[in-house]
């Protein structure tokens, strides 16, 4: 009877894979791979430990994207609007709003994971016995401050120092914006091309994601048992709950303050948000979201500036997830982070979370970088990978909602929001 149930489950998995193939749905495919990986890990615990190499390949491919993707997207975001005087007022208003909202998101993420403690109780000793885990060494404030700034960008790239790459990219983008048009354009064109290539590069890697995720969950369940799934469920519920709280405590009050026409706004964003949820890609929803905001009265010039900028600097769902996931990693490793260390982590994430938008599950890149920056073990990231697709749906949707709302906020702030002009649209 047990063999019959196992056979039926594998037939069901085959059906899900076929459905994903027919629909060309990466999300369904990853979800099916996760279920199949858990099954393999449960049935063949010893053999599944050998699957770690497949998930390690995926992680290595993700890591190799960090430097070029961060550099190209940040430089284009900063230098792409080279008339600094013209965009200055709109720029500082947008950035002030972005930073306030994303900072609140980070703190809500920290608050949620410290309440649920979803990572506490995970036994990773078996993983640690076969893997070289970096030790968590205390650093002085001066050490941490010096570590932020690069002395050799090639060295920073080679060592995967995400924060140093971000600082270099920001300064490079500002410098590029200050040079003459004929000098700026070739470099800007190169960065735009590099950004597009890295997006395609990432899409190619994501075709391997089901194998990497399936192997990761098989390795995790095989090494730690099914008890780990309880922690995964806790983490998933924590994220969804925190995102709901964030929208209720931030988006709704902001909407009330600016007198947002909620009914029209929700109707306008429903399609791009649904697309973001299904594809787990903010980039896929961007054209529709921009058109939707213009249809409800946000001027095109504001939409064209605020929304693309927001996709680099206003990733509300992603920043909340990053703070939550980083502390989850520390909890899973049995490392107690003090409140001051968590505040420092918030500051680091405020910088490292900028510049990576539009790529499905690209936040894994930033999570790995943040974990490495604080000398935390990377093994708990394998645990998170098992349900990352499910979490990505929620955080990507919140990213899209946040950027749509930001365009209305800036339009209202500029006194240029005119819904009456599009009343019949």
Protein backbone atom coordinates (compact mmCIF):
# COMPACT_ATOMS: atom_id res chain seq x y z
CA UNK A 1 0.00 0.00 0.00
CA UNK A 2 2.86 2.36 0.83
CA UNK A 3 4.44 1.71 -2.57
CA UNK A 4 1.10 2.45 -4.23
CA UNK A 5 0.87 5.82 -2.47
CA UNK A 6 4.45 6.63 -3.46
CA UNK A 7 3.72 5.73 -7.07
CA UNK A 8 0.57 7.89 -7.05
CA UNK A 9 2.52 10.83 -5.64
CA UNK A 10 5.14 10.55 -8.37
CA UNK A 11 2.40 10.37 -10.99
CA UNK A 12 0.94 13.55 -9.49
CA UNK A 13 4.35 15.24 -9.67
CA UNK A 14 4.64 14.20 -13.32
CA UNK A 15 1.26 15.79 -13.97
CA UNK A 16 2.33 19.04 -12.31
CA UNK A 17 5.56 19.11 -14.34
CA UNK A 18 3.56 18.53 -17.52
CA UNK A 19 1.16 21.33 -16.62
CA UNK A 20 4.08 23.66 -15.93
CA UNK A 21 5.62 22.74 -19.27
CA UNK A 22 2.39 23.35 -21.16
CA UNK A 23 1.79 26.69 -19.44
CA UNK A 24 5.48 27.59 -19.61
CA UNK A 25 5.26 28.54 -15.93
CA UNK A 26 8.57 28.75 -14.14
CA UNK A 27 6.84 29.24 -10.79
CA UNK A 28 4.76 26.06 -11.09
CA UNK A 29 7.83 24.19 -12.26
CA UNK A 30 9.85 25.33 -9.25
CA UNK A 31 6.99 24.49 -6.89
CA UNK A 32 6.76 20.99 -8.39
CA UNK A 33 10.54 20.60 -8.12
CA UNK A 34 10.33 21.58 -4.47
CA UNK A 35 7.69 18.91 -3.77
CA UNK A 36 9.64 16.28 -5.70
CA UNK A 37 12.85 17.26 -3.90
CA UNK A 38 11.15 16.84 -0.50
CA UNK A 39 9.89 13.42 -1.60
CA UNK A 40 13.34 12.31 -2.77
CA UNK A 41 14.95 13.61 0.40
CA UNK A 42 12.44 11.71 2.52
CA UNK A 43 12.62 8.42 0.60
CA UNK A 44 16.35 8.43 -0.14
CA UNK A 45 18.02 10.45 2.64
CA UNK A 46 21.54 9.13 2.06
CA UNK A 47 21.50 9.46 -1.72
CA UNK A 48 19.96 12.94 -1.53
CA UNK A 49 23.01 14.22 0.32
CA UNK A 50 24.95 13.83 -2.92
CA UNK A 51 22.58 16.29 -4.63
CA UNK A 52 24.17 19.24 -2.89
CA UNK A 53 26.46 19.77 -5.87
CA UNK A 54 23.44 20.59 -8.07
CA UNK A 55 22.21 23.30 -5.71
CA UNK A 56 25.76 24.58 -5.26
CA UNK A 57 26.01 25.06 -9.03
CA UNK A 58 22.88 27.21 -8.91
CA UNK A 59 24.25 29.31 -6.05
CA UNK A 60 27.56 29.81 -7.85
CA UNK A 61 25.78 30.94 -11.00
CA UNK A 62 23.69 33.38 -8.97
CA UNK A 63 26.78 34.76 -7.24
CA UNK A 64 28.55 35.45 -10.52
CA UNK A 65 25.77 37.88 -11.47
CA UNK A 66 26.27 40.15 -8.45
CA UNK A 67 28.92 42.60 -9.65
CA UNK A 68 27.87 43.25 -13.27
CA UNK A 69 24.16 43.41 -12.44
CA UNK A 70 24.58 45.79 -9.51
CA UNK A 71 27.04 48.00 -11.39
CA UNK A 72 25.02 48.31 -14.59
CA UNK A 73 21.61 48.87 -12.98
CA UNK A 74 22.86 51.42 -10.45
CA UNK A 75 24.89 53.41 -12.97
CA UNK A 76 21.99 53.53 -15.43
CA UNK A 77 19.58 54.48 -12.65
CA UNK A 78 21.78 57.36 -11.48
CA UNK A 79 23.35 58.64 -14.70
CA UNK A 80 20.44 57.89 -17.01
CA UNK A 81 18.80 61.18 -16.03
CA UNK A 82 21.82 63.36 -16.59
CA UNK A 83 20.09 66.77 -16.34
CA UNK A 84 20.48 66.86 -12.58
CA UNK A 85 18.93 70.33 -12.21
CA UNK A 86 15.82 69.31 -14.12
CA UNK A 87 15.18 66.14 -12.15
CA UNK A 88 16.63 67.37 -8.85
CA UNK A 89 13.38 68.34 -7.17
CA UNK A 90 11.50 65.26 -8.29
CA UNK A 91 14.53 63.15 -7.50
CA UNK A 92 14.97 64.17 -3.88
CA UNK A 93 11.25 63.88 -3.22
CA UNK A 94 11.23 60.37 -4.64
CA UNK A 95 14.33 59.28 -2.76
CA UNK A 96 13.07 60.70 0.55
CA UNK A 97 9.82 58.80 0.16
CA UNK A 98 11.62 55.64 -0.98
CA UNK A 99 14.00 55.63 1.97
CA UNK A 100 11.29 56.28 4.56
CA UNK A 101 9.07 53.52 3.26
CA UNK A 102 11.80 50.93 2.70
CA UNK A 103 13.30 51.64 6.13
CA UNK A 104 9.91 50.98 7.72
CA UNK A 105 9.72 47.76 5.70
CA UNK A 106 13.11 46.64 7.00
CA UNK A 107 12.13 47.25 10.62
CA UNK A 108 8.80 45.46 10.20
CA UNK A 109 10.73 42.48 8.80
CA UNK A 110 13.08 42.50 11.80
CA UNK A 111 10.17 42.87 14.21
CA UNK A 112 8.26 39.95 12.63
CA UNK A 113 11.14 37.45 12.59
CA UNK A 114 12.13 38.33 16.16
CA UNK A 115 8.57 37.59 17.26
CA UNK A 116 8.08 34.29 15.42
CA UNK A 117 11.73 33.12 15.67
CA UNK A 118 11.06 30.89 12.67
CA UNK A 119 14.73 29.92 12.34
CA UNK A 120 15.21 28.79 15.94
CA UNK A 121 15.51 25.04 16.38
CA UNK A 122 16.95 24.14 12.99
CA UNK A 123 19.77 21.62 13.41
CA UNK A 124 22.44 22.31 10.80
CA UNK A 125 25.23 20.35 12.53
CA UNK A 126 25.20 17.69 9.82
CA UNK A 127 25.72 20.31 7.18
CA UNK A 128 28.43 21.98 9.20
CA UNK A 129 30.32 18.72 9.58
CA UNK A 130 30.80 18.45 5.82
CA UNK A 131 31.10 22.13 4.89
CA UNK A 132 33.60 24.82 5.72
CA UNK A 133 31.49 27.37 7.62
CA UNK A 134 32.97 30.84 8.18
CA UNK A 135 33.05 31.83 11.82
CA UNK A 136 31.11 34.79 13.14
CA UNK A 137 33.85 37.10 14.33
CA UNK A 138 33.20 40.33 16.18
CA UNK A 139 34.35 43.51 14.47
CA UNK A 140 34.85 47.01 15.79
CA UNK A 141 32.87 49.94 14.43
CA UNK A 142 35.99 51.21 12.64
CA UNK A 143 36.53 47.80 10.99
CA UNK A 144 32.96 47.73 9.73
CA UNK A 145 33.12 51.32 8.46
CA UNK A 146 36.37 50.72 6.60
CA UNK A 147 35.00 47.52 5.13
CA UNK A 148 32.20 49.46 3.41
CA UNK A 149 34.56 51.34 1.09
CA UNK A 150 36.49 49.58 -1.70
CA UNK A 151 40.24 49.98 -2.12
CA UNK A 152 40.36 47.90 -5.27
CA UNK A 153 37.15 47.27 -7.19
CA UNK A 154 38.60 44.18 -8.90
CA UNK A 155 39.38 42.74 -5.47
CA UNK A 156 35.88 43.60 -4.25
CA UNK A 157 34.36 41.79 -7.23
CA UNK A 158 36.62 38.77 -6.78
CA UNK A 159 35.74 38.51 -3.08
CA UNK A 160 32.03 39.15 -3.67
CA UNK A 161 31.94 42.25 -1.46
CA UNK A 162 28.47 43.45 -2.43
CA UNK A 163 28.44 46.62 -0.32
CA UNK A 164 31.76 47.79 -1.73
CA UNK A 165 30.48 47.19 -5.26
CA UNK A 166 27.37 49.24 -4.46
CA UNK A 167 29.42 52.16 -3.11
CA UNK A 168 31.68 52.13 -6.16
CA UNK A 169 28.69 51.97 -8.52
CA UNK A 170 26.92 54.89 -6.83
CA UNK A 171 30.01 57.10 -6.98
CA UNK A 172 30.69 56.03 -10.57
CA UNK A 173 27.10 56.84 -11.54
CA UNK A 174 27.29 60.30 -9.95
CA UNK A 175 30.60 60.99 -11.68
CA UNK A 176 29.20 59.84 -15.02
CA UNK A 177 26.18 62.11 -14.62
CA UNK A 178 28.51 65.11 -14.19
CA UNK A 179 30.48 64.72 -17.43
CA UNK A 180 29.55 66.14 -20.84
CA UNK A 181 26.95 64.35 -22.99
CA UNK A 182 29.42 63.17 -25.63
CA UNK A 183 31.60 61.60 -22.93
CA UNK A 184 28.71 60.20 -20.92
CA UNK A 185 26.67 58.59 -23.70
CA UNK A 186 29.10 55.80 -24.72
CA UNK A 187 29.52 54.62 -21.14
CA UNK A 188 25.80 54.92 -20.44
CA UNK A 189 25.01 52.94 -23.57
CA UNK A 190 27.50 50.29 -22.49
CA UNK A 191 25.94 50.05 -19.02
CA UNK A 192 22.44 49.84 -20.47
CA UNK A 193 23.57 47.04 -22.78
CA UNK A 194 25.34 45.30 -19.91
CA UNK A 195 22.20 45.58 -17.79
CA UNK A 196 20.08 44.01 -20.54
CA UNK A 197 22.61 41.22 -21.07
CA UNK A 198 22.69 40.47 -17.33
CA UNK A 199 18.90 40.30 -17.25
CA UNK A 200 19.03 37.74 -20.07
CA UNK A 201 21.91 35.97 -18.31
CA UNK A 202 19.76 35.69 -15.21
CA UNK A 203 16.80 34.38 -17.20
CA UNK A 204 19.06 31.67 -18.62
CA UNK A 205 20.20 30.70 -15.14
CA UNK A 206 16.59 30.61 -13.94
CA UNK A 207 15.92 27.76 -16.37
CA UNK A 208 18.22 25.74 -14.11
CA UNK A 209 16.43 26.97 -10.97
CA UNK A 210 14.00 24.02 -10.66
CA UNK A 211 16.93 21.59 -10.58
CA UNK A 212 18.83 23.76 -8.08
CA UNK A 213 15.81 24.26 -5.84
CA UNK A 214 14.72 20.62 -6.03
CA UNK A 215 18.23 19.45 -5.17
CA UNK A 216 18.44 21.97 -2.34
CA UNK A 217 15.22 20.82 -0.69
CA UNK A 218 16.13 17.14 -1.23
CA UNK A 219 19.52 17.72 0.40
CA UNK A 220 17.92 19.64 3.25
CA UNK A 221 15.17 17.09 3.97
CA UNK A 222 17.60 14.19 3.50
CA UNK A 223 20.08 15.65 5.95
CA UNK A 224 17.74 17.21 8.51
CA UNK A 225 14.46 15.32 8.11
CA UNK A 226 10.93 16.58 7.53
CA UNK A 227 11.00 18.60 10.75
CA UNK A 228 12.71 21.35 8.75
CA UNK A 229 9.48 21.86 6.80
CA UNK A 230 7.82 23.22 9.94
CA UNK A 231 10.43 25.98 10.09
CA UNK A 232 9.88 26.67 6.39
CA UNK A 233 6.13 27.02 6.99
CA UNK A 234 6.81 29.36 9.90
CA UNK A 235 9.09 31.48 7.70
CA UNK A 236 6.52 31.61 4.89
CA UNK A 237 3.69 32.62 7.25
CA UNK A 238 5.96 35.19 8.90
CA UNK A 239 6.74 36.84 5.55
CA UNK A 240 3.16 36.93 4.30
CA UNK A 241 1.93 38.23 7.66
CA UNK A 242 4.63 40.91 7.79
CA UNK A 243 3.83 42.07 4.24
CA UNK A 244 0.13 42.35 5.08
CA UNK A 245 0.95 44.34 8.22
CA UNK A 246 3.27 46.56 6.18
CA UNK A 247 0.57 47.35 3.64
CA UNK A 248 -1.99 48.08 6.35
CA UNK A 249 0.37 50.25 8.41
CA UNK A 250 2.11 52.05 5.52
CA UNK A 251 0.28 51.89 2.19
CA UNK A 252 -3.21 52.50 3.55
CA UNK A 253 -2.25 55.52 5.73
CA UNK A 254 -0.20 57.00 2.86
CA UNK A 255 -3.19 56.57 0.58
CA UNK A 256 -5.47 58.28 3.07
CA UNK A 257 -3.03 61.18 3.52
CA UNK A 258 -2.79 61.88 -0.22
CA UNK A 259 -6.52 61.19 -0.71
CA UNK A 260 -5.85 58.33 -3.08
CA UNK A 261 -8.87 57.14 -5.10
CA UNK A 262 -8.54 53.61 -3.74
CA UNK A 263 -11.15 52.00 -5.97
CA UNK A 264 -9.62 53.33 -9.19
CA UNK A 265 -6.11 52.62 -7.96
CA UNK A 266 -6.86 49.00 -7.06
CA UNK A 267 -8.66 48.46 -10.36
CA UNK A 268 -5.73 49.92 -12.30
CA UNK A 269 -3.01 47.89 -10.58
CA UNK A 270 -4.85 44.56 -10.45
CA UNK A 271 -3.50 43.33 -13.78
CA UNK A 272 0.20 44.28 -13.31
CA UNK A 273 0.14 42.97 -9.73
CA UNK A 274 -1.36 39.68 -10.90
CA UNK A 275 1.34 39.47 -13.56
CA UNK A 276 4.04 40.17 -10.97
CA UNK A 277 2.62 37.51 -8.66
CA UNK A 278 2.47 34.90 -11.41
CA UNK A 279 5.87 35.63 -12.97
CA UNK A 280 7.68 36.73 -9.77
CA UNK A 281 9.22 39.48 -11.92
CA UNK A 282 8.75 43.19 -11.30
CA UNK A 283 10.22 43.85 -14.71
CA UNK A 284 7.44 41.88 -16.41
CA UNK A 285 4.84 44.09 -14.73
CA UNK A 286 6.59 47.43 -15.33
CA UNK A 287 5.10 48.41 -18.74
CA UNK A 288 1.54 47.63 -17.64
CA UNK A 289 2.04 49.36 -14.30
CA UNK A 290 3.33 52.53 -15.96
CA UNK A 291 0.39 52.58 -18.35
CA UNK A 292 -2.03 51.96 -15.49
CA UNK A 293 -0.71 54.88 -13.44
CA UNK A 294 -0.91 57.20 -16.42
CA UNK A 295 -4.52 56.11 -16.98
CA UNK A 296 -5.58 57.26 -13.50
CA UNK A 297 -4.02 60.73 -13.81
CA UNK A 298 -0.27 60.52 -13.08
CA UNK A 299 1.61 62.56 -15.74
CA UNK A 300 3.82 60.54 -18.07
CA UNK A 301 6.96 62.49 -17.14
CA UNK A 302 6.48 61.57 -13.47
CA UNK A 303 5.63 57.94 -14.22
CA UNK A 304 8.68 57.65 -16.49
CA UNK A 305 11.02 58.90 -13.75
CA UNK A 306 9.52 57.59 -10.51
CA UNK A 307 8.65 54.01 -11.44
CA UNK A 308 11.95 52.94 -13.06
CA UNK A 309 13.83 54.66 -10.24
CA UNK A 310 11.59 52.94 -7.73
CA UNK A 311 12.45 49.58 -9.23
CA UNK A 312 16.00 50.16 -8.03
CA UNK A 313 15.38 52.13 -4.83
CA UNK A 314 11.87 51.26 -3.64
CA UNK A 315 11.65 47.49 -3.36
CA UNK A 316 9.42 47.41 -0.28
CA UNK A 317 8.60 43.70 -0.36
CA UNK A 318 12.18 42.70 -1.12
CA UNK A 319 13.73 44.84 1.62
CA UNK A 320 11.28 43.48 4.19
CA UNK A 321 12.12 39.95 3.09
CA UNK A 322 15.87 40.58 3.24
CA UNK A 323 15.84 41.77 6.85
CA UNK A 324 13.59 38.88 7.82
CA UNK A 325 15.62 36.27 5.94
CA UNK A 326 19.00 37.52 7.21
CA UNK A 327 17.93 37.16 10.83
CA UNK A 328 16.38 33.77 9.98
CA UNK A 329 19.82 32.64 8.78
CA UNK A 330 21.40 33.77 12.04
CA UNK A 331 18.68 32.02 14.07
CA UNK A 332 19.12 28.80 12.08
CA UNK A 333 22.88 28.94 12.71
CA UNK A 334 22.31 29.46 16.43
CA UNK A 335 23.96 32.90 16.34
CA UNK A 336 22.44 35.54 18.58
CA UNK A 337 22.52 38.96 16.93
CA UNK A 338 22.29 41.89 19.30
CA UNK A 339 19.88 44.74 18.57
CA UNK A 340 22.79 46.96 17.52
CA UNK A 341 24.04 44.28 15.09
CA UNK A 342 20.56 43.99 13.64
CA UNK A 343 20.43 47.78 13.22
CA UNK A 344 23.75 47.63 11.39
CA UNK A 345 22.33 44.88 9.22
CA UNK A 346 19.37 47.16 8.43
CA UNK A 347 21.77 49.91 7.34
CA UNK A 348 23.70 47.47 5.17
CA UNK A 349 20.53 46.13 3.57
CA UNK A 350 19.36 49.68 2.84
CA UNK A 351 22.33 49.97 0.49
CA UNK A 352 22.73 46.43 -0.84
CA UNK A 353 19.04 46.07 -1.68
CA UNK A 354 19.29 48.90 -4.23
CA UNK A 355 19.79 48.24 -7.90
CA UNK A 356 18.51 44.69 -8.33
CA UNK A 357 15.01 44.75 -9.79
CA UNK A 358 13.05 42.93 -12.43
CA UNK A 359 14.84 39.60 -12.11
CA UNK A 360 12.95 36.64 -10.61
CA UNK A 361 14.44 35.66 -7.23
CA UNK A 362 17.28 38.14 -7.64
CA UNK A 363 16.95 38.93 -3.92
CA UNK A 364 18.81 35.66 -3.35
CA UNK A 365 21.85 37.49 -4.69
CA UNK A 366 21.54 40.21 -2.06
CA UNK A 367 20.75 37.74 0.71
CA UNK A 368 23.93 35.78 -0.03
CA UNK A 369 25.92 39.02 -0.11
CA UNK A 370 24.46 40.21 3.21
CA UNK A 371 25.05 36.85 4.86
CA UNK A 372 28.67 36.91 3.72
CA UNK A 373 29.13 40.54 4.86
CA UNK A 374 28.17 39.55 8.42
CA UNK A 375 30.18 36.32 8.37
CA UNK A 376 27.05 34.21 8.75
CA UNK A 377 26.99 30.65 7.37
CA UNK A 378 25.43 30.23 3.94
CA UNK A 379 23.96 26.77 4.64
CA UNK A 380 20.61 28.09 6.01
CA UNK A 381 20.16 29.79 2.64
CA UNK A 382 19.67 26.28 1.22
CA UNK A 383 16.71 25.97 3.58
CA UNK A 384 15.18 29.23 2.32
CA UNK A 385 15.70 28.24 -1.33
CA UNK A 386 13.09 25.53 -0.92
CA UNK A 387 10.25 28.03 -0.59
CA UNK A 388 11.86 31.07 -2.17
CA UNK A 389 9.53 30.91 -5.18
CA UNK A 390 6.48 31.09 -2.91
CA UNK A 391 7.94 34.04 -0.99
CA UNK A 392 9.00 35.77 -4.20
CA UNK A 393 5.39 35.90 -5.39
CA UNK A 394 4.36 37.96 -2.39
CA UNK A 395 7.34 40.29 -2.16
CA UNK A 396 7.33 41.02 -5.92
CA UNK A 397 3.65 41.92 -5.79
CA UNK A 398 4.28 44.32 -2.91
CA UNK A 399 7.18 45.86 -4.86
CA UNK A 400 4.82 46.65 -7.75
CA UNK A 401 2.09 48.05 -5.48
CA UNK A 402 4.67 50.21 -3.67
CA UNK A 403 6.06 51.70 -6.87
CA UNK A 404 2.62 52.42 -8.29
CA UNK A 405 1.71 54.19 -5.06
CA UNK A 406 5.01 56.11 -5.10
CA UNK A 407 4.23 57.58 -8.53
CA UNK A 408 0.92 58.92 -7.19
CA UNK A 409 2.62 60.29 -4.07
CA UNK A 410 5.21 62.24 -6.11
CA UNK A 411 2.52 63.47 -8.53
CA UNK A 412 0.44 64.71 -5.59
CA UNK A 413 3.55 66.28 -4.02
CA UNK A 414 4.22 68.09 -7.29
CA UNK A 415 0.58 69.15 -7.56
CA UNK A 416 0.22 67.39 -10.93
CA UNK A 417 -2.10 64.48 -10.14
CA UNK A 418 -5.18 65.01 -12.34
CA UNK A 419 -7.51 62.00 -12.20
CA UNK A 420 -10.36 63.98 -13.72
CA UNK A 421 -8.53 64.13 -17.06
CA UNK A 422 -8.69 60.35 -17.33
CA UNK A 423 -12.08 59.82 -15.76
CA UNK A 424 -13.46 58.12 -18.83
CA UNK A 425 -10.46 55.91 -19.50
